[in-house]
Protein backbone atom coordinates (compact mmCIF):
# COMPACT_ATOMS: atom_id res chain seq x y z
CA UNK A 1 -16.59 7.05 -12.78
CA UNK A 2 -16.75 3.62 -11.77
CA UNK A 3 -18.16 2.30 -8.50
CA UNK A 4 -16.56 -1.01 -8.25
CA UNK A 5 -14.11 0.53 -5.17
CA UNK A 6 -16.96 2.86 -3.43
CA UNK A 7 -17.07 2.76 0.12
CA UNK A 8 -13.03 1.41 0.20
CA UNK A 9 -10.23 3.85 2.08
CA UNK A 10 -6.82 3.28 1.21
CA UNK A 11 -3.95 4.92 3.21
CA UNK A 12 -1.12 6.11 1.39
CA UNK A 13 2.12 6.25 3.41
CA UNK A 14 4.71 8.99 2.35
CA UNK A 15 7.49 10.84 3.95
CA UNK A 16 9.67 13.34 1.85
CA UNK A 17 11.24 12.44 -1.15
CA UNK A 18 8.56 9.79 -2.11
CA UNK A 19 8.24 8.81 -6.07
CA UNK A 20 5.77 11.44 -6.76
CA UNK A 21 4.32 9.38 -9.98
CA UNK A 22 4.21 6.16 -7.85
CA UNK A 23 1.63 8.00 -5.39
CA UNK A 24 -0.14 10.10 -8.07
CA UNK A 25 -0.92 7.46 -10.66
CA UNK A 26 -2.34 4.76 -8.29
CA UNK A 27 -4.35 7.14 -6.31
CA UNK A 28 -6.35 8.34 -9.57
CA UNK A 29 -6.80 4.72 -10.51
CA UNK A 30 -8.13 4.00 -7.30
CA UNK A 31 -10.20 7.35 -7.25
CA UNK A 32 -11.54 7.13 -10.29
CA UNK A 33 -12.81 3.05 -9.32
CA UNK A 34 -14.67 5.02 -6.36
CA UNK A 35 -11.95 4.65 -3.88
CA UNK A 36 -10.89 7.41 -0.97
CA UNK A 37 -7.37 7.73 -1.03
CA UNK A 38 -5.90 9.41 2.81
CA UNK A 39 -2.30 10.51 2.49
CA UNK A 40 -0.69 9.96 5.63
CA UNK A 41 2.89 10.79 6.81
CA UNK A 42 4.76 11.54 9.68
CA UNK A 43 4.19 15.43 10.16
CA UNK A 44 1.75 17.62 9.70
CA UNK A 45 1.49 19.83 6.88
CA UNK A 46 2.86 19.43 3.45
CA UNK A 47 5.03 16.33 1.57
CA UNK A 48 7.50 16.44 -1.18
CA UNK A 49 7.59 14.65 -3.92
CA UNK A 50 10.16 13.76 -6.43
CA UNK A 51 10.86 12.80 -9.81
CA UNK A 52 13.66 10.49 -9.73
CA UNK A 53 16.37 12.69 -7.98
CA UNK A 54 14.54 16.28 -8.82
CA UNK A 55 11.95 18.04 -6.28
CA UNK A 56 8.41 18.12 -7.17
CA UNK A 57 4.86 18.75 -6.07
CA UNK A 58 3.89 19.37 -2.58
CA UNK A 59 0.93 17.49 -0.78
CA UNK A 60 -1.33 18.12 1.84
CA UNK A 61 -0.87 15.36 4.52
CA UNK A 62 -4.53 14.21 5.84
CA UNK A 63 -3.09 11.98 8.88
CA UNK A 64 -0.06 11.41 10.58
CA UNK A 65 1.46 8.12 11.26
CA UNK A 66 1.03 8.68 15.49
CA UNK A 67 -2.68 8.87 14.92
CA UNK A 68 -3.72 6.60 11.72
CA UNK A 69 -6.28 3.95 12.77
CA UNK A 70 -5.90 1.36 10.22
CA UNK A 71 -9.25 -0.01 11.27
CA UNK A 72 -10.44 2.76 9.50
CA UNK A 73 -8.99 1.61 6.03
CA UNK A 74 -9.40 -1.27 3.45
CA UNK A 75 -6.14 -1.34 2.14
CA UNK A 76 -2.55 0.48 2.22
CA UNK A 77 -0.11 1.63 -0.77
CA UNK A 78 3.41 2.25 -0.19
CA UNK A 79 5.33 4.16 -3.08
CA UNK A 80 8.57 4.29 -3.50
CA UNK A 81 11.29 6.69 -3.53
CA UNK A 82 14.99 5.94 -1.98
CA UNK A 83 14.56 9.09 0.60
CA UNK A 84 10.96 8.00 1.40
CA UNK A 85 11.76 4.69 2.09
CA UNK A 86 15.02 4.72 4.28
CA UNK A 87 13.05 7.22 6.19
CA UNK A 88 9.89 5.42 6.00
CA UNK A 89 11.01 2.17 7.44
CA UNK A 90 12.83 3.43 10.77
CA UNK A 91 9.19 4.72 11.81
CA UNK A 92 7.51 2.93 14.51
CA UNK A 93 4.53 3.83 13.98
CA UNK A 94 4.51 3.35 10.10
CA UNK A 95 6.08 -0.34 11.15
CA UNK A 96 2.90 -1.11 13.26
CA UNK A 97 0.35 -0.07 11.02
CA UNK A 98 1.34 -2.32 8.13
CA UNK A 99 1.89 -4.70 11.00
CA UNK A 100 -1.65 -4.32 11.37
CA UNK A 101 -3.08 -4.40 7.95
CA UNK A 102 -1.55 -7.52 7.53
CA UNK A 103 -3.04 -9.10 10.74
CA UNK A 104 -6.08 -7.89 9.24
CA UNK A 105 -5.15 -9.74 5.78
CA UNK A 106 -5.89 -6.36 4.27
CA UNK A 107 -4.67 -5.18 0.57
CA UNK A 108 -0.84 -4.13 0.58
CA UNK A 109 0.01 -2.87 -2.62
CA UNK A 110 3.90 -1.67 -2.56
CA UNK A 111 6.44 -0.60 -5.49
CA UNK A 112 9.82 0.11 -6.26
CA UNK A 113 11.67 1.01 -2.67
CA UNK A 114 8.41 0.85 -1.03
CA UNK A 115 9.14 -2.63 0.23
CA UNK A 116 11.88 -1.34 2.63
CA UNK A 117 9.04 -0.64 5.05
CA UNK A 118 7.97 -4.38 4.95
CA UNK A 119 11.45 -5.63 5.29
CA UNK A 120 12.03 -3.55 8.70
CA UNK A 121 8.36 -4.48 9.82
CA UNK A 122 9.16 -8.20 9.61
CA UNK A 123 6.24 -8.92 7.17
CA UNK A 124 8.26 -9.93 4.28
CA UNK A 125 9.28 -13.39 5.37
CA UNK A 126 7.67 -16.72 3.05
CA UNK A 127 6.28 -13.36 1.00
CA UNK A 128 6.86 -13.21 -2.99
CA UNK A 129 7.20 -10.13 -4.11
CA UNK A 130 9.22 -7.58 -6.65
CA UNK A 131 10.88 -4.38 -6.48
CA UNK A 132 13.58 -2.25 -7.40
CA UNK A 133 16.12 -4.56 -7.90
CA UNK A 134 18.59 -3.45 -5.35
CA UNK A 135 16.41 -4.32 -2.66
CA UNK A 136 16.53 -8.19 -3.75
CA UNK A 137 19.17 -8.62 -0.95
CA UNK A 138 17.05 -7.21 1.43
CA UNK A 139 13.93 -9.03 0.84
CA UNK A 140 15.52 -12.56 0.32
CA UNK A 141 18.26 -12.10 3.90
CA UNK A 142 14.44 -11.21 5.49
CA UNK A 143 13.17 -14.89 4.66
CA UNK A 144 11.33 -13.73 1.38
CA UNK A 145 11.34 -14.75 -2.48
CA UNK A 146 12.62 -12.21 -4.66
CA UNK A 147 11.47 -11.97 -8.45
CA UNK A 148 12.06 -9.77 -11.46
CA UNK A 149 8.61 -9.30 -12.51
CA UNK A 150 6.26 -6.73 -13.60
CA UNK A 151 3.98 -7.09 -11.50
CA UNK A 152 3.11 -10.35 -8.68
CA UNK A 153 0.32 -10.45 -6.67
CA UNK A 154 0.88 -12.92 -3.55
CA UNK A 155 -2.27 -13.48 -1.87
CA UNK A 156 -3.21 -10.10 0.16
CA UNK A 157 0.26 -8.28 -1.47
CA UNK A 158 0.59 -6.42 -4.96
CA UNK A 159 4.31 -5.05 -5.83
CA UNK A 160 6.08 -3.80 -8.37
CA UNK A 161 9.52 -2.50 -10.02
CA UNK A 162 9.64 1.08 -10.75
CA UNK A 163 7.45 3.75 -12.86
CA UNK A 164 7.19 1.81 -15.99
CA UNK A 165 5.28 -1.04 -14.47
CA UNK A 166 2.33 1.16 -12.99
CA UNK A 167 -0.38 0.19 -15.59
CA UNK A 168 -0.13 -3.00 -14.67
CA UNK A 169 0.28 -2.54 -10.77
CA UNK A 170 -2.50 -0.19 -10.91
CA UNK A 171 -4.70 -2.73 -12.56
CA UNK A 172 -3.51 -5.75 -9.85
CA UNK A 173 -4.33 -3.32 -6.91
CA UNK A 174 -7.68 -2.26 -8.32
CA UNK A 175 -8.74 -6.27 -8.84
CA UNK A 176 -7.18 -7.17 -5.30
CA UNK A 177 -8.90 -4.61 -3.17
CA UNK A 178 -12.18 -5.39 -5.34
CA UNK A 179 -11.59 -8.94 -4.52
CA UNK A 180 -11.19 -8.06 -0.73
CA UNK A 181 -14.59 -5.79 -1.07
CA UNK A 182 -16.37 -8.64 -2.08
CA UNK A 183 -14.68 -11.16 0.50
CA UNK A 184 -15.90 -8.24 2.94
CA UNK A 185 -19.40 -8.23 1.68
CA UNK A 186 -19.82 -12.15 1.87
CA UNK A 187 -18.38 -12.44 5.36
CA UNK A 188 -20.67 -9.84 6.71
CA UNK A 189 -23.78 -11.11 4.56
CA UNK A 190 -22.95 -14.61 6.01
CA UNK A 191 -22.66 -13.02 9.87
CA UNK A 192 -25.83 -11.67 9.04
CA UNK A 193 -27.33 -14.83 7.95
CA UNK A 194 -26.04 -16.75 11.03
CA UNK A 195 -27.32 -14.14 13.08
CA UNK A 196 -30.97 -14.15 11.85
CA UNK A 197 -30.73 -18.06 11.87
CA UNK A 198 -29.69 -17.36 15.65
CA UNK A 199 -32.35 -15.52 16.84
């Protein structure tokens, strides 16, 4: 196992009906690099994954949106799936969580229909991203620039269109979180140096 993301905690926000591979593939890639992933949803118990329009596996919910603390996480992953994304975009605690993550300039990884939450949270204006093609009008109407690319890294955001893009998406997510980790370490070292000098 690699250790490039050791100590990094990634929140995965989903409700019933998420595209399963868009959770399991990045989750496995992140954990392989040493990150800790936490599945959060709108209610306790289990959450239902889908393979397109067919029910797939259940996953244990480790935290609920009402109680999840952005300060406990270094990044957030937003899988797609029409049902999941249509539900989560209206969830106020989920909106507040991504708003707080953006305010702290933490990595936000989003794929497929997952961008609906970012639209509803009012975060898309001025951003360049990709998504499932049917979201392009929503993104443009919200003031974002939609592009048709396998993966788009725009500052702290990483976005992709669909499951076929997952290899490139996972690689870009790991790089962005790794860069964030290095910047955080440098920032802490700088703070410590200033403290020592002041002392």
